[in-house]
């Protein structure tokens, strides 16, 4: 329960950062902005597995749906799939957090682009596909992947402080003594 509340509060904080006018300057200047919620979801899925990734992905997507002007439920379904698929790398990827952050975020962003492409092709005209490819694939993807490594390190440090502080220290003084 503590982890769920922490994830929701962190998601709301990241959403507020993404929706801020100062963060929109990045989009105005470059044409797209890094997706902080996707990086956070990639971290959660990688650290805690597919089940938690799917649940938190749905909740994060639902929060993003509430504040966005897209088709309601589209981000919830897209982020649910991202969380589910990225969770498979939980036990299959044994590399350091920096490299894992780049790889996992790259896969997650590509799933997001495919999902957005499907939503746009169903509910909108295909002229928006060129805008999607230009802004999301060529600008948003590199920005998000570059930002993923430091964000993964920050999230890892914070999660270790919050959730794994109850570890019992092991004392080596219980060796067998010969009599």
C-alpha atoms as a PDB file:
ATOM      1  CA  UNK A   1       0.000   0.000   0.000  1.00  0.00           C
ATOM      2  CA  UNK A   2       2.896   2.332   0.800  1.00  0.00           C
ATOM      3  CA  UNK A   3       4.402   1.695  -2.620  1.00  0.00           C
ATOM      4  CA  UNK A   4       1.092   2.370  -4.411  1.00  0.00           C
ATOM      5  CA  UNK A   5       0.635   5.707  -2.652  1.00  0.00           C
ATOM      6  CA  UNK A   6       4.246   6.655  -3.364  1.00  0.00           C
ATOM      7  CA  UNK A   7       3.866   5.732  -7.044  1.00  0.00           C
ATOM      8  CA  UNK A   8       0.675   7.763  -7.392  1.00  0.00           C
ATOM      9  CA  UNK A   9       2.152  10.797  -5.638  1.00  0.00           C
ATOM     10  CA  UNK A  10       5.322  10.611  -7.727  1.00  0.00           C
ATOM     11  CA  UNK A  11       3.220  10.256 -10.885  1.00  0.00           C
ATOM     12  CA  UNK A  12       1.203  13.333  -9.952  1.00  0.00           C
ATOM     13  CA  UNK A  13       4.391  15.278  -9.278  1.00  0.00           C
ATOM     14  CA  UNK A  14       5.893  14.236 -12.621  1.00  0.00           C
ATOM     15  CA  UNK A  15       2.619  15.076 -14.359  1.00  0.00           C
ATOM     16  CA  UNK A  16       2.656  18.532 -12.806  1.00  0.00           C
ATOM     17  CA  UNK A  17       6.211  19.007 -14.033  1.00  0.00           C
ATOM     18  CA  UNK A  18       5.250  17.834 -17.533  1.00  0.00           C
ATOM     19  CA  UNK A  19       2.223  20.140 -17.624  1.00  0.00           C
ATOM     20  CA  UNK A  20       4.077  23.199 -16.339  1.00  0.00           C
ATOM     21  CA  UNK A  21       4.631  26.183 -18.638  1.00  0.00           C
ATOM     22  CA  UNK A  22       8.381  26.027 -18.015  1.00  0.00           C
ATOM     23  CA  UNK A  23       8.479  22.433 -19.255  1.00  0.00           C
ATOM     24  CA  UNK A  24       6.420  23.439 -22.298  1.00  0.00           C
ATOM     25  CA  UNK A  25       9.293  25.708 -23.347  1.00  0.00           C
ATOM     26  CA  UNK A  26      11.200  22.531 -24.232  1.00  0.00           C
ATOM     27  CA  UNK A  27       8.363  21.484 -26.556  1.00  0.00           C
ATOM     28  CA  UNK A  28       8.140  24.935 -28.096  1.00  0.00           C
ATOM     29  CA  UNK A  29      11.896  25.115 -28.627  1.00  0.00           C
ATOM     30  CA  UNK A  30      12.597  21.577 -29.813  1.00  0.00           C
ATOM     31  CA  UNK A  31       9.209  20.373 -31.068  1.00  0.00           C
ATOM     32  CA  UNK A  32       8.751  17.655 -28.428  1.00  0.00           C
ATOM     33  CA  UNK A  33       9.532  17.051 -24.779  1.00  0.00           C
ATOM     34  CA  UNK A  34      10.825  14.080 -22.784  1.00  0.00           C
ATOM     35  CA  UNK A  35       8.146  11.855 -21.270  1.00  0.00           C
ATOM     36  CA  UNK A  36       8.899  11.717 -17.538  1.00  0.00           C
ATOM     37  CA  UNK A  37       5.939   9.453 -16.798  1.00  0.00           C
ATOM     38  CA  UNK A  38       7.187   6.905 -19.316  1.00  0.00           C
ATOM     39  CA  UNK A  39      10.627   6.896 -17.702  1.00  0.00           C
ATOM     40  CA  UNK A  40       9.035   6.415 -14.288  1.00  0.00           C
ATOM     41  CA  UNK A  41       6.847   3.581 -15.577  1.00  0.00           C
ATOM     42  CA  UNK A  42       9.860   1.941 -17.230  1.00  0.00           C
ATOM     43  CA  UNK A  43      11.686   2.036 -13.903  1.00  0.00           C
ATOM     44  CA  UNK A  44       8.743   0.594 -11.974  1.00  0.00           C
ATOM     45  CA  UNK A  45       8.217  -2.182 -14.512  1.00  0.00           C
ATOM     46  CA  UNK A  46      11.903  -3.049 -14.609  1.00  0.00           C
ATOM     47  CA  UNK A  47      12.242  -3.087 -10.823  1.00  0.00           C
ATOM     48  CA  UNK A  48       8.961  -4.754  -9.778  1.00  0.00           C
ATOM     49  CA  UNK A  49       7.842  -6.905 -12.729  1.00  0.00           C
ATOM     50  CA  UNK A  50       4.997  -7.217 -15.241  1.00  0.00           C
ATOM     51  CA  UNK A  51       2.066  -7.366 -12.858  1.00  0.00           C
ATOM     52  CA  UNK A  52       3.007  -4.212 -10.974  1.00  0.00           C
ATOM     53  CA  UNK A  53       4.060  -2.564 -14.238  1.00  0.00           C
ATOM     54  CA  UNK A  54       0.660  -3.216 -15.807  1.00  0.00           C
ATOM     55  CA  UNK A  55      -1.290  -1.975 -12.795  1.00  0.00           C
ATOM     56  CA  UNK A  56       0.815   1.136 -12.275  1.00  0.00           C
ATOM     57  CA  UNK A  57       0.922   1.709 -16.034  1.00  0.00           C
ATOM     58  CA  UNK A  58      -2.863   1.728 -16.183  1.00  0.00           C
ATOM     59  CA  UNK A  59      -3.071   4.157 -13.258  1.00  0.00           C
ATOM     60  CA  UNK A  60      -0.366   6.457 -14.667  1.00  0.00           C
ATOM     61  CA  UNK A  61      -2.048   6.390 -18.086  1.00  0.00           C
ATOM     62  CA  UNK A  62      -5.411   7.141 -16.521  1.00  0.00           C
ATOM     63  CA  UNK A  63      -3.944  10.129 -14.700  1.00  0.00           C
ATOM     64  CA  UNK A  64      -2.440  11.336 -17.982  1.00  0.00           C
ATOM     65  CA  UNK A  65      -5.779  10.796 -19.768  1.00  0.00           C
ATOM     66  CA  UNK A  66      -7.544  13.047 -17.277  1.00  0.00           C
ATOM     67  CA  UNK A  67      -5.312  16.021 -18.079  1.00  0.00           C
ATOM     68  CA  UNK A  68      -4.711  15.431 -21.793  1.00  0.00           C
ATOM     69  CA  UNK A  69      -6.992  16.252 -24.665  1.00  0.00           C
ATOM     70  CA  UNK A  70      -6.655  12.882 -26.374  1.00  0.00           C
ATOM     71  CA  UNK A  71      -9.213  10.105 -26.592  1.00  0.00           C
ATOM     72  CA  UNK A  72     -10.056   9.124 -23.015  1.00  0.00           C
ATOM     73  CA  UNK A  73      -8.554   5.769 -22.108  1.00  0.00           C
ATOM     74  CA  UNK A  74      -5.947   5.696 -24.844  1.00  0.00           C
ATOM     75  CA  UNK A  75      -3.012   6.508 -22.575  1.00  0.00           C
ATOM     76  CA  UNK A  76      -4.336   4.102 -19.946  1.00  0.00           C
ATOM     77  CA  UNK A  77      -4.283   1.209 -22.431  1.00  0.00           C
ATOM     78  CA  UNK A  78      -0.959   2.249 -23.974  1.00  0.00           C
ATOM     79  CA  UNK A  79       0.774   2.607 -20.599  1.00  0.00           C
ATOM     80  CA  UNK A  80      -0.773  -0.658 -19.359  1.00  0.00           C
ATOM     81  CA  UNK A  81       0.846  -2.443 -22.310  1.00  0.00           C
ATOM     82  CA  UNK A  82       4.141  -0.634 -21.788  1.00  0.00           C
ATOM     83  CA  UNK A  83       4.220  -1.615 -18.112  1.00  0.00           C
ATOM     84  CA  UNK A  84       3.309  -5.205 -18.894  1.00  0.00           C
ATOM     85  CA  UNK A  85       5.890  -5.713 -21.646  1.00  0.00           C
ATOM     86  CA  UNK A  86       8.720  -3.893 -19.884  1.00  0.00           C
ATOM     87  CA  UNK A  87       8.130  -5.998 -16.785  1.00  0.00           C
ATOM     88  CA  UNK A  88       9.356  -9.043 -18.670  1.00  0.00           C
ATOM     89  CA  UNK A  89      12.867  -7.595 -18.555  1.00  0.00           C
ATOM     90  CA  UNK A  90      12.759  -7.651 -14.753  1.00  0.00           C
ATOM     91  CA  UNK A  91      14.446 -11.025 -14.394  1.00  0.00           C
ATOM     92  CA  UNK A  92      15.940 -11.342 -17.859  1.00  0.00           C
ATOM     93  CA  UNK A  93      18.215  -8.318 -17.990  1.00  0.00           C
ATOM     94  CA  UNK A  94      21.294  -8.394 -15.795  1.00  0.00           C
ATOM     95  CA  UNK A  95      23.026  -5.158 -16.673  1.00  0.00           C
ATOM     96  CA  UNK A  96      23.657  -1.995 -14.703  1.00  0.00           C
ATOM     97  CA  UNK A  97      20.872   0.512 -14.114  1.00  0.00           C
ATOM     98  CA  UNK A  98      22.246   3.109 -16.556  1.00  0.00           C
ATOM     99  CA  UNK A  99      22.329   0.787 -19.543  1.00  0.00           C
ATOM    100  CA  UNK A 100      19.089  -0.879 -18.522  1.00  0.00           C
ATOM    101  CA  UNK A 101      17.412   2.511 -18.261  1.00  0.00           C
ATOM    102  CA  UNK A 102      18.369   3.403 -21.798  1.00  0.00           C
ATOM    103  CA  UNK A 103      17.301   0.048 -23.258  1.00  0.00           C
ATOM    104  CA  UNK A 104      14.039  -0.267 -21.305  1.00  0.00           C
ATOM    105  CA  UNK A 105      13.001   3.328 -22.006  1.00  0.00           C
ATOM    106  CA  UNK A 106      13.768   2.910 -25.709  1.00  0.00           C
ATOM    107  CA  UNK A 107      11.526  -0.171 -25.906  1.00  0.00           C
ATOM    108  CA  UNK A 108       8.784   1.563 -23.897  1.00  0.00           C
ATOM    109  CA  UNK A 109       8.855   4.670 -26.062  1.00  0.00           C
ATOM    110  CA  UNK A 110       8.613   2.597 -29.239  1.00  0.00           C
ATOM    111  CA  UNK A 111       5.554   0.813 -27.789  1.00  0.00           C
ATOM    112  CA  UNK A 112       4.085   4.237 -26.975  1.00  0.00           C
ATOM    113  CA  UNK A 113       4.638   5.461 -30.545  1.00  0.00           C
ATOM    114  CA  UNK A 114       2.988   2.342 -31.987  1.00  0.00           C
ATOM    115  CA  UNK A 115       0.027   2.759 -29.624  1.00  0.00           C
ATOM    116  CA  UNK A 116      -0.344   6.451 -30.475  1.00  0.00           C
ATOM    117  CA  UNK A 117      -0.122   5.597 -34.174  1.00  0.00           C
ATOM    118  CA  UNK A 118      -2.988   3.126 -33.796  1.00  0.00           C
ATOM    119  CA  UNK A 119      -5.112   5.621 -31.853  1.00  0.00           C
ATOM    120  CA  UNK A 120      -4.467   8.404 -34.367  1.00  0.00           C
ATOM    121  CA  UNK A 121      -5.187   6.148 -37.324  1.00  0.00           C
ATOM    122  CA  UNK A 122      -8.524   5.090 -35.788  1.00  0.00           C
ATOM    123  CA  UNK A 123      -9.801   8.380 -34.378  1.00  0.00           C
ATOM    124  CA  UNK A 124      -8.102  11.028 -36.495  1.00  0.00           C
ATOM    125  CA  UNK A 125      -6.985  11.655 -40.031  1.00  0.00           C
ATOM    126  CA  UNK A 126      -3.683  10.325 -41.267  1.00  0.00           C
ATOM    127  CA  UNK A 127      -2.174  13.780 -41.753  1.00  0.00           C
ATOM    128  CA  UNK A 128      -1.439  13.773 -38.019  1.00  0.00           C
ATOM    129  CA  UNK A 129       0.756  10.693 -38.441  1.00  0.00           C
ATOM    130  CA  UNK A 130       3.534  12.756 -40.041  1.00  0.00           C
ATOM    131  CA  UNK A 131       3.425  15.159 -37.095  1.00  0.00           C
ATOM    132  CA  UNK A 132       3.536  12.198 -34.693  1.00  0.00           C
ATOM    133  CA  UNK A 133       6.539  10.662 -36.430  1.00  0.00           C
ATOM    134  CA  UNK A 134       8.426  13.946 -36.621  1.00  0.00           C
ATOM    135  CA  UNK A 135       7.783  15.070 -33.076  1.00  0.00           C
ATOM    136  CA  UNK A 136       7.709  11.808 -31.145  1.00  0.00           C
ATOM    137  CA  UNK A 137      10.089   9.558 -33.055  1.00  0.00           C
ATOM    138  CA  UNK A 138      12.797  11.974 -34.139  1.00  0.00           C
ATOM    139  CA  UNK A 139      12.780  14.423 -31.226  1.00  0.00           C
ATOM    140  CA  UNK A 140      10.898  12.971 -28.232  1.00  0.00           C
ATOM    141  CA  UNK A 141      12.557   9.557 -28.359  1.00  0.00           C
ATOM    142  CA  UNK A 142      16.175  10.793 -28.139  1.00  0.00           C
ATOM    143  CA  UNK A 143      15.304  13.336 -25.436  1.00  0.00           C
ATOM    144  CA  UNK A 144      13.543  10.723 -23.323  1.00  0.00           C
ATOM    145  CA  UNK A 145      16.298   8.128 -23.757  1.00  0.00           C
ATOM    146  CA  UNK A 146      19.002  10.641 -22.820  1.00  0.00           C
ATOM    147  CA  UNK A 147      17.092  11.685 -19.712  1.00  0.00           C
ATOM    148  CA  UNK A 148      16.337   8.079 -18.708  1.00  0.00           C
ATOM    149  CA  UNK A 149      19.764   7.221 -17.267  1.00  0.00           C
ATOM    150  CA  UNK A 150      19.938   9.954 -14.639  1.00  0.00           C
ATOM    151  CA  UNK A 151      16.245   9.495 -13.824  1.00  0.00           C
ATOM    152  CA  UNK A 152      16.742   5.725 -13.324  1.00  0.00           C
ATOM    153  CA  UNK A 153      19.600   6.437 -10.913  1.00  0.00           C
ATOM    154  CA  UNK A 154      17.497   8.955  -8.962  1.00  0.00           C
ATOM    155  CA  UNK A 155      14.486   6.626  -8.809  1.00  0.00           C
ATOM    156  CA  UNK A 156      16.699   3.731  -7.709  1.00  0.00           C
ATOM    157  CA  UNK A 157      18.242   5.724  -4.862  1.00  0.00           C
ATOM    158  CA  UNK A 158      14.863   7.003  -3.683  1.00  0.00           C
ATOM    159  CA  UNK A 159      13.211   3.568  -3.876  1.00  0.00           C
ATOM    160  CA  UNK A 160      16.039   2.023  -1.879  1.00  0.00           C
ATOM    161  CA  UNK A 161      15.626   4.693   0.780  1.00  0.00           C
ATOM    162  CA  UNK A 162      11.838   4.339   0.956  1.00  0.00           C
ATOM    163  CA  UNK A 163      11.178   0.634   0.600  1.00  0.00           C
ATOM    164  CA  UNK A 164      14.281  -1.279   1.567  1.00  0.00           C
ATOM    165  CA  UNK A 165      15.265   0.381   4.801  1.00  0.00           C
ATOM    166  CA  UNK A 166      14.020  -2.524   6.913  1.00  0.00           C
ATOM    167  CA  UNK A 167      16.832  -4.839   5.908  1.00  0.00           C
ATOM    168  CA  UNK A 168      18.327  -6.701   8.840  1.00  0.00           C
ATOM    169  CA  UNK A 169      22.086  -6.296   9.029  1.00  0.00           C
ATOM    170  CA  UNK A 170      23.911  -9.585   9.134  1.00  0.00           C
ATOM    171  CA  UNK A 171      26.632  -9.847  11.729  1.00  0.00           C
ATOM    172  CA  UNK A 172      29.474 -12.198  10.996  1.00  0.00           C
ATOM    173  CA  UNK A 173      30.304 -12.739  14.673  1.00  0.00           C
ATOM    174  CA  UNK A 174      28.171 -15.903  14.898  1.00  0.00           C
ATOM    175  CA  UNK A 175      30.917 -18.189  13.664  1.00  0.00           C
ATOM    176  CA  UNK A 176      31.284 -21.615  15.128  1.00  0.00           C
ATOM    177  CA  UNK A 177      33.792 -21.528  17.950  1.00  0.00           C
ATOM    178  CA  UNK A 178      35.862 -24.570  18.641  1.00  0.00           C
ATOM    179  CA  UNK A 179      35.944 -25.608  22.248  1.00  0.00           C
END
